[in-house]
C-alpha atoms as a PDB file:
ATOM      1  CA  MET A   1      -8.076 -16.961 -18.929  1.00  0.00           C
ATOM      2  CA  ARG A   2     -10.066 -13.672 -17.752  1.00  0.00           C
ATOM      3  CA  THR A   3      -7.760 -11.409 -15.483  1.00  0.00           C
ATOM      4  CA  PRO A   4      -8.815 -11.013 -11.775  1.00  0.00           C
ATOM      5  CA  SER A   5     -10.817  -7.837 -11.067  1.00  0.00           C
ATOM      6  CA  ALA A   6      -7.734  -6.803  -8.744  1.00  0.00           C
ATOM      7  CA  ASP A   7      -5.329  -7.136 -11.348  1.00  0.00           C
ATOM      8  CA  VAL A   8      -7.258  -5.004 -13.756  1.00  0.00           C
ATOM      9  CA  LYS A   9      -7.971  -2.181 -10.766  1.00  0.00           C
ATOM     10  CA  THR A  10      -4.574  -1.971 -10.180  1.00  0.00           C
ATOM     11  CA  ALA A  11      -3.677  -2.460 -13.988  1.00  0.00           C
ATOM     12  CA  LEU A  12      -6.086   1.339 -14.372  1.00  0.00           C
ATOM     13  CA  THR A  13      -4.516   2.514 -10.882  1.00  0.00           C
ATOM     14  CA  ASP A  14      -1.090   2.313 -12.712  1.00  0.00           C
ATOM     15  CA  ALA A  15      -2.424   4.185 -15.772  1.00  0.00           C
ATOM     16  CA  ALA A  16      -3.391   6.753 -13.789  1.00  0.00           C
ATOM     17  CA  GLU A  17      -0.652   7.326 -12.218  1.00  0.00           C
ATOM     18  CA  ALA A  18       1.338   7.697 -15.217  1.00  0.00           C
ATOM     19  CA  VAL A  19      -1.333  10.401 -16.257  1.00  0.00           C
ATOM     20  CA  LEU A  20      -0.510  11.962 -13.228  1.00  0.00           C
ATOM     21  CA  MET A  21       3.103  12.098 -13.016  1.00  0.00           C
ATOM     22  CA  ARG A  22       3.579  13.159 -16.933  1.00  0.00           C
ATOM     23  CA  GLU A  23       0.843  15.608 -16.789  1.00  0.00           C
ATOM     24  CA  GLY A  24      -0.270  16.565 -13.253  1.00  0.00           C
ATOM     25  CA  PRO A  25      -3.534  15.995 -11.017  1.00  0.00           C
ATOM     26  CA  ALA A  26      -6.044  18.300 -13.236  1.00  0.00           C
ATOM     27  CA  ALA A  27      -4.942  15.624 -16.466  1.00  0.00           C
ATOM     28  CA  VAL A  28      -6.722  12.841 -14.332  1.00  0.00           C
ATOM     29  CA  THR A  29     -10.002  12.204 -16.037  1.00  0.00           C
ATOM     30  CA  VAL A  30     -11.806   9.018 -17.019  1.00  0.00           C
ATOM     31  CA  ARG A  31     -11.169   8.948 -20.563  1.00  0.00           C
ATOM     32  CA  ALA A  32      -7.093  10.076 -20.189  1.00  0.00           C
ATOM     33  CA  VAL A  33      -7.108   6.851 -17.863  1.00  0.00           C
ATOM     34  CA  ALA A  34      -9.165   4.860 -20.391  1.00  0.00           C
ATOM     35  CA  ALA A  35      -6.560   5.895 -23.234  1.00  0.00           C
ATOM     36  CA  GLU A  36      -3.228   5.377 -21.116  1.00  0.00           C
ATOM     37  CA  ALA A  37      -4.653   1.456 -20.299  1.00  0.00           C
ATOM     38  CA  GLY A  38      -5.947   1.192 -23.706  1.00  0.00           C
ATOM     39  CA  VAL A  39      -9.778   0.420 -22.451  1.00  0.00           C
ATOM     40  CA  ALA A  40     -13.230   1.703 -23.006  1.00  0.00           C
ATOM     41  CA  PRO A  41     -13.852   4.628 -20.484  1.00  0.00           C
ATOM     42  CA  MET A  42     -17.215   2.196 -19.258  1.00  0.00           C
ATOM     43  CA  GLY A  43     -14.105  -0.603 -18.032  1.00  0.00           C
ATOM     44  CA  VAL A  44     -13.019   2.419 -15.828  1.00  0.00           C
ATOM     45  CA  TYR A  45     -16.465   3.227 -14.441  1.00  0.00           C
ATOM     46  CA  ASN A  46     -17.036  -0.346 -14.039  1.00  0.00           C
ATOM     47  CA  ARG A  47     -14.085  -0.886 -11.460  1.00  0.00           C
ATOM     48  CA  PHE A  48     -13.925   2.849  -9.759  1.00  0.00           C
ATOM     49  CA  GLY A  49     -17.466   4.121 -10.291  1.00  0.00           C
ATOM     50  CA  SER A  50     -16.418   7.822 -11.034  1.00  0.00           C
ATOM     51  CA  LYS A  51     -13.782   9.942 -11.331  1.00  0.00           C
ATOM     52  CA  ASP A  52     -13.579  10.453  -7.425  1.00  0.00           C
ATOM     53  CA  GLY A  53     -13.096   7.016  -7.319  1.00  0.00           C
ATOM     54  CA  LEU A  54     -10.206   7.013  -9.276  1.00  0.00           C
ATOM     55  CA  ILE A  55      -8.478   9.946  -8.075  1.00  0.00           C
ATOM     56  CA  GLU A  56      -8.878   7.978  -4.339  1.00  0.00           C
ATOM     57  CA  ALA A  57      -6.777   5.215  -5.709  1.00  0.00           C
ATOM     58  CA  LEU A  58      -4.378   7.447  -6.311  1.00  0.00           C
ATOM     59  CA  LEU A  59      -4.695   9.070  -3.153  1.00  0.00           C
ATOM     60  CA  ILE A  60      -4.472   5.986  -1.259  1.00  0.00           C
ATOM     61  CA  ARG A  61      -1.334   5.203  -3.111  1.00  0.00           C
ATOM     62  CA  GLY A  62       0.084   8.778  -2.198  1.00  0.00           C
ATOM     63  CA  PHE A  63      -0.518   8.241   1.656  1.00  0.00           C
ATOM     64  CA  GLN A  64       1.331   4.679   1.391  1.00  0.00           C
ATOM     65  CA  GLY A  65       4.085   6.235   0.160  1.00  0.00           C
ATOM     66  CA  LEU A  66       4.380   9.499   2.394  1.00  0.00           C
ATOM     67  CA  THR A  67       3.737   6.465   5.105  1.00  0.00           C
ATOM     68  CA  ALA A  68       6.510   4.508   4.313  1.00  0.00           C
ATOM     69  CA  ALA A  69       8.812   7.808   3.735  1.00  0.00           C
ATOM     70  CA  ILE A  70       8.394   9.332   7.434  1.00  0.00           C
ATOM     71  CA  SER A  71       8.248   5.723   9.377  1.00  0.00           C
ATOM     72  CA  PRO A  72      11.197   5.459  11.297  1.00  0.00           C
ATOM     73  CA  ARG A  73      14.426   3.395  10.343  1.00  0.00           C
ATOM     74  CA  ASP A  74      15.968   0.615  12.596  1.00  0.00           C
ATOM     75  CA  ALA A  75      19.048   2.702  12.812  1.00  0.00           C
ATOM     76  CA  GLU A  76      17.109   5.565  14.324  1.00  0.00           C
ATOM     77  CA  ALA A  77      16.785   4.814  17.830  1.00  0.00           C
ATOM     78  CA  ASP A  78      17.064   7.846  19.089  1.00  0.00           C
ATOM     79  CA  PRO A  79      13.739   9.687  18.993  1.00  0.00           C
ATOM     80  CA  VAL A  80      15.020  12.974  18.605  1.00  0.00           C
ATOM     81  CA  LEU A  81      16.628  11.738  15.394  1.00  0.00           C
ATOM     82  CA  ARG A  82      13.781   9.823  14.664  1.00  0.00           C
ATOM     83  CA  LEU A  83      11.538  13.042  14.468  1.00  0.00           C
ATOM     84  CA  TRP A  84      14.046  15.022  12.480  1.00  0.00           C
ATOM     85  CA  MET A  85      14.983  12.484   9.987  1.00  0.00           C
ATOM     86  CA  SER A  86      11.022  12.103   9.657  1.00  0.00           C
ATOM     87  CA  GLY A  87      10.766  15.658   8.999  1.00  0.00           C
ATOM     88  CA  LEU A  88      13.266  15.718   6.384  1.00  0.00           C
ATOM     89  CA  ARG A  89      12.316  12.719   4.362  1.00  0.00           C
ATOM     90  CA  TYR A  90       8.739  14.272   4.317  1.00  0.00           C
ATOM     91  CA  ARG A  91      10.050  17.359   2.179  1.00  0.00           C
ATOM     92  CA  GLU A  92      12.023  14.722   0.172  1.00  0.00           C
ATOM     93  CA  PHE A  93       8.895  12.775  -0.648  1.00  0.00           C
ATOM     94  CA  ALA A  94       6.899  16.271  -1.483  1.00  0.00           C
ATOM     95  CA  LEU A  95       9.674  17.075  -3.701  1.00  0.00           C
ATOM     96  CA  SER A  96      10.123  13.567  -5.899  1.00  0.00           C
ATOM     97  CA  HIS A  97       6.175  13.068  -5.973  1.00  0.00           C
ATOM     98  CA  ARG A  98       5.072  16.759  -6.814  1.00  0.00           C
ATOM     99  CA  SER A  99       2.244  15.424  -8.715  1.00  0.00           C
ATOM    100  CA  HIS A 100       1.322  12.860  -5.728  1.00  0.00           C
ATOM    101  CA  TYR A 101       1.622  15.923  -3.149  1.00  0.00           C
ATOM    102  CA  ALA A 102      -0.739  18.241  -5.272  1.00  0.00           C
ATOM    103  CA  LEU A 103      -3.187  16.012  -5.403  1.00  0.00           C
ATOM    104  CA  MET A 104      -2.965  14.567  -1.816  1.00  0.00           C
ATOM    105  CA  PHE A 105      -3.478  18.218  -0.546  1.00  0.00           C
ATOM    106  CA  GLY A 106      -5.109  19.702  -3.240  1.00  0.00           C
ATOM    107  CA  ASP A 107      -9.252  19.702  -3.874  1.00  0.00           C
ATOM    108  CA  LEU A 108      -9.669  17.892  -7.063  1.00  0.00           C
ATOM    109  CA  THR A 109     -12.603  15.823  -5.725  1.00  0.00           C
ATOM    110  CA  GLU A 110     -16.325  15.903  -6.115  1.00  0.00           C
ATOM    111  CA  LYS A 111     -17.759  18.272  -3.316  1.00  0.00           C
ATOM    112  CA  ASP A 112     -20.027  15.033  -2.345  1.00  0.00           C
ATOM    113  CA  TRP A 113     -17.379  12.893  -2.483  1.00  0.00           C
ATOM    114  CA  GLU A 114     -17.491  10.196   0.161  1.00  0.00           C
ATOM    115  CA  PRO A 115     -14.009   8.698   1.474  1.00  0.00           C
ATOM    116  CA  SER A 116     -14.002   5.361   1.923  1.00  0.00           C
ATOM    117  CA  ASP A 117     -13.113   3.520   4.916  1.00  0.00           C
ATOM    118  CA  GLU A 118      -9.517   2.331   3.051  1.00  0.00           C
ATOM    119  CA  PHE A 119      -8.731   6.070   2.071  1.00  0.00           C
ATOM    120  CA  ALA A 120      -9.641   6.967   5.761  1.00  0.00           C
ATOM    121  CA  ASP A 121      -7.010   4.242   7.017  1.00  0.00           C
ATOM    122  CA  ARG A 122      -4.415   5.073   4.996  1.00  0.00           C
ATOM    123  CA  ALA A 123      -4.651   8.872   5.314  1.00  0.00           C
ATOM    124  CA  GLY A 124      -4.858   8.156   9.032  1.00  0.00           C
ATOM    125  CA  ALA A 125      -1.857   5.627   8.940  1.00  0.00           C
ATOM    126  CA  ALA A 126       0.227   8.136   7.867  1.00  0.00           C
ATOM    127  CA  PHE A 127      -0.579  10.930  10.333  1.00  0.00           C
ATOM    128  CA  GLN A 128      -0.632   8.272  13.178  1.00  0.00           C
ATOM    129  CA  VAL A 129       3.208   7.724  12.605  1.00  0.00           C
ATOM    130  CA  LEU A 130       3.894  11.640  13.222  1.00  0.00           C
ATOM    131  CA  VAL A 131       1.462  11.122  16.534  1.00  0.00           C
ATOM    132  CA  ASP A 132       3.734   8.206  17.564  1.00  0.00           C
ATOM    133  CA  HIS A 133       7.111  10.673  17.003  1.00  0.00           C
ATOM    134  CA  VAL A 134       5.625  13.133  19.207  1.00  0.00           C
ATOM    135  CA  PHE A 135       4.283  10.927  21.873  1.00  0.00           C
ATOM    136  CA  THR A 136       7.498   9.196  22.550  1.00  0.00           C
ATOM    137  CA  LEU A 137       9.065  12.223  22.552  1.00  0.00           C
ATOM    138  CA  MET A 138       6.701  13.585  25.153  1.00  0.00           C
ATOM    139  CA  ALA A 139       7.093  10.179  27.254  1.00  0.00           C
ATOM    140  CA  ALA A 140      10.862  10.380  27.037  1.00  0.00           C
ATOM    141  CA  GLY A 141      10.380  13.673  28.669  1.00  0.00           C
ATOM    142  CA  ARG A 142      11.888  15.632  25.625  1.00  0.00           C
ATOM    143  CA  LEU A 143       9.038  17.814  24.379  1.00  0.00           C
ATOM    144  CA  ILE A 144       6.529  19.778  26.524  1.00  0.00           C
ATOM    145  CA  GLU A 145       3.498  17.352  27.725  1.00  0.00           C
ATOM    146  CA  GLY A 146       0.102  17.844  25.755  1.00  0.00           C
ATOM    147  CA  ASP A 147      -1.889  16.167  23.828  1.00  0.00           C
ATOM    148  CA  ALA A 148       0.112  14.427  20.857  1.00  0.00           C
ATOM    149  CA  ALA A 149      -2.511  14.313  18.369  1.00  0.00           C
ATOM    150  CA  THR A 150      -2.740  18.417  18.313  1.00  0.00           C
ATOM    151  CA  VAL A 151       0.479  19.062  18.566  1.00  0.00           C
ATOM    152  CA  ALA A 152       1.493  16.282  15.934  1.00  0.00           C
ATOM    153  CA  ARG A 153      -1.310  18.587  13.762  1.00  0.00           C
ATOM    154  CA  GLN A 154       0.838  21.666  14.414  1.00  0.00           C
ATOM    155  CA  VAL A 155       3.665  19.905  13.192  1.00  0.00           C
ATOM    156  CA  TRP A 156       2.471  18.841  10.289  1.00  0.00           C
ATOM    157  CA  SER A 157       0.607  22.159   9.277  1.00  0.00           C
ATOM    158  CA  ALA A 158       4.189  24.192   9.821  1.00  0.00           C
ATOM    159  CA  VAL A 159       6.285  21.367   7.718  1.00  0.00           C
ATOM    160  CA  HIS A 160       3.224  21.499   5.208  1.00  0.00           C
ATOM    161  CA  GLY A 161       3.385  25.371   4.608  1.00  0.00           C
ATOM    162  CA  ALA A 162       7.368  25.409   4.202  1.00  0.00           C
ATOM    163  CA  VAL A 163       7.093  22.721   1.762  1.00  0.00           C
ATOM    164  CA  ALA A 164       4.020  24.320   0.067  1.00  0.00           C
ATOM    165  CA  LEU A 165       5.937  27.619  -0.703  1.00  0.00           C
ATOM    166  CA  GLU A 166       9.018  25.680  -1.818  1.00  0.00           C
ATOM    167  CA  MET A 167       6.886  24.061  -4.424  1.00  0.00           C
ATOM    168  CA  GLY A 168       5.297  27.125  -5.317  1.00  0.00           C
ATOM    169  CA  GLY A 169       8.394  29.164  -5.883  1.00  0.00           C
ATOM    170  CA  LEU A 170       8.280  31.428  -3.431  1.00  0.00           C
ATOM    171  CA  VAL A 171      11.643  30.487  -1.795  1.00  0.00           C
ATOM    172  CA  ALA A 172      14.816  30.502  -3.645  1.00  0.00           C
ATOM    173  CA  PRO A 173      16.001  27.114  -4.806  1.00  0.00           C
ATOM    174  CA  ASP A 174      19.466  27.537  -3.566  1.00  0.00           C
ATOM    175  CA  GLU A 175      17.811  28.477  -0.290  1.00  0.00           C
ATOM    176  CA  ALA A 176      15.249  25.998   0.214  1.00  0.00           C
ATOM    177  CA  GLU A 177      16.762  23.006   2.128  1.00  0.00           C
ATOM    178  CA  ALA A 178      18.653  25.509   4.729  1.00  0.00           C
ATOM    179  CA  SER A 179      15.579  27.063   5.028  1.00  0.00           C
ATOM    180  CA  TYR A 180      13.245  23.990   5.379  1.00  0.00           C
ATOM    181  CA  ARG A 181      16.023  22.842   8.314  1.00  0.00           C
ATOM    182  CA  ARG A 182      15.843  26.074  10.166  1.00  0.00           C
ATOM    183  CA  VAL A 183      12.029  25.196  10.242  1.00  0.00           C
ATOM    184  CA  LEU A 184      12.579  22.119  11.768  1.00  0.00           C
ATOM    185  CA  VAL A 185      14.907  23.644  14.540  1.00  0.00           C
ATOM    186  CA  MET A 186      11.999  26.095  15.105  1.00  0.00           C
ATOM    187  CA  ILE A 187       9.629  23.650  15.511  1.00  0.00           C
ATOM    188  CA  VAL A 188      11.764  21.283  18.155  1.00  0.00           C
ATOM    189  CA  ARG A 189      13.039  23.988  19.730  1.00  0.00           C
ATOM    190  CA  GLY A 190       9.438  25.331  20.567  1.00  0.00           C
ATOM    191  CA  LEU A 191       8.087  22.391  21.698  1.00  0.00           C
ATOM    192  CA  ALA A 192      11.399  20.992  23.496  1.00  0.00           C
ATOM    193  CA  VAL A 193      11.029  21.044  27.304  1.00  0.00           C
ATOM    194  CA  PRO A 194      13.834  23.902  28.423  1.00  0.00           C
ATOM    195  CA  GLY A 195      17.300  22.433  29.087  1.00  0.00           C
ATOM    196  CA  THR A 196      16.642  18.764  27.436  1.00  0.00           C
ATOM    197  CA  LEU A 197      17.612  19.534  23.708  1.00  0.00           C
ATOM    198  CA  VAL A 198      20.876  21.426  22.647  1.00  0.00           C
ATOM    199  CA  PHE A 199      20.640  22.821  19.149  1.00  0.00           C
ATOM    200  CA  PRO A 200      24.669  23.378  18.067  1.00  0.00           C
ATOM    201  CA  ASP A 201      23.419  23.963  14.330  1.00  0.00           C
ATOM    202  CA  PRO A 202      20.783  26.298  12.850  1.00  0.00           C
ATOM    203  CA  GLN A 203      20.495  23.845  10.180  1.00  0.00           C
ATOM    204  CA  GLY A 204      21.185  20.306  11.774  1.00  0.00           C
ATOM    205  CA  PRO A 205      19.492  17.790  14.521  1.00  0.00           C
ATOM    206  CA  PRO A 206      19.112  18.781  18.049  1.00  0.00           C
ATOM    207  CA  GLY A 207      21.250  16.625  20.583  1.00  0.00           C
ATOM    208  CA  THR A 208      20.606  16.317  24.249  1.00  0.00           C
ATOM    209  CA  PRO A 209      23.041  18.014  26.713  1.00  0.00           C
ATOM    210  CA  GLU A 210      24.834  14.826  27.531  1.00  0.00           C
ATOM    211  CA  LYS A 211      25.753  13.979  24.196  1.00  0.00           C
ATOM    212  CA  ARG A 212      27.316  17.488  23.770  1.00  0.00           C
ATOM    213  CA  SER A 213      29.352  17.216  26.843  1.00  0.00           C
ATOM    214  CA  ASP A 214      30.857  13.797  24.977  1.00  0.00           C
ATOM    215  CA  GLN A 215      31.790  15.802  22.320  1.00  0.00           C
ATOM    216  CA  ASP A 216      33.172  18.371  24.083  1.00  0.00           C
ATOM    217  CA  GLU A 217      35.684  16.058  26.451  1.00  0.00           C
END
């Protein structure tokens, strides 16, 4: 019985992921993946069309993983905590999936690559999680009103920059986590409606004035 085409494509994507994690983004080639999977290069071309198709399959997996990482958890009912924990998990994902992250935010596709609808949906879903976090906080009166997508893009730019500097070795390892947490505090403090949030810990999540009063009593 012949193996279903979807299963073959999944197996080849698994092989590509193995090459990516072992040797890095630049090593992901049709020949390398074919060798990893034990098939002829034409088998890869038949399923993905080109190296770009292969890379896109990895990008889709990467953005699926990122979406899962930054999505809210059941215990995170407080929208302020939700945004904070999402920010922490963003860094954790990047550091634990370095090759995926480098591929996702690098430039290894051909200049005439046209992303598929599936890729656009997966990448958009990751961004939409952040947009939803920002919109919820705006609706709750915690963040200054504005276009949620624009603000989310600014937040993403800031956390990506912090992560990129750390992954590039430009932040001392023993200072990296504390530095990143201060960046998160800076972001939220800069966007917060005055008087709606308090920042008792320079490296910890913000709270509300009401919560601070409860703790002081």
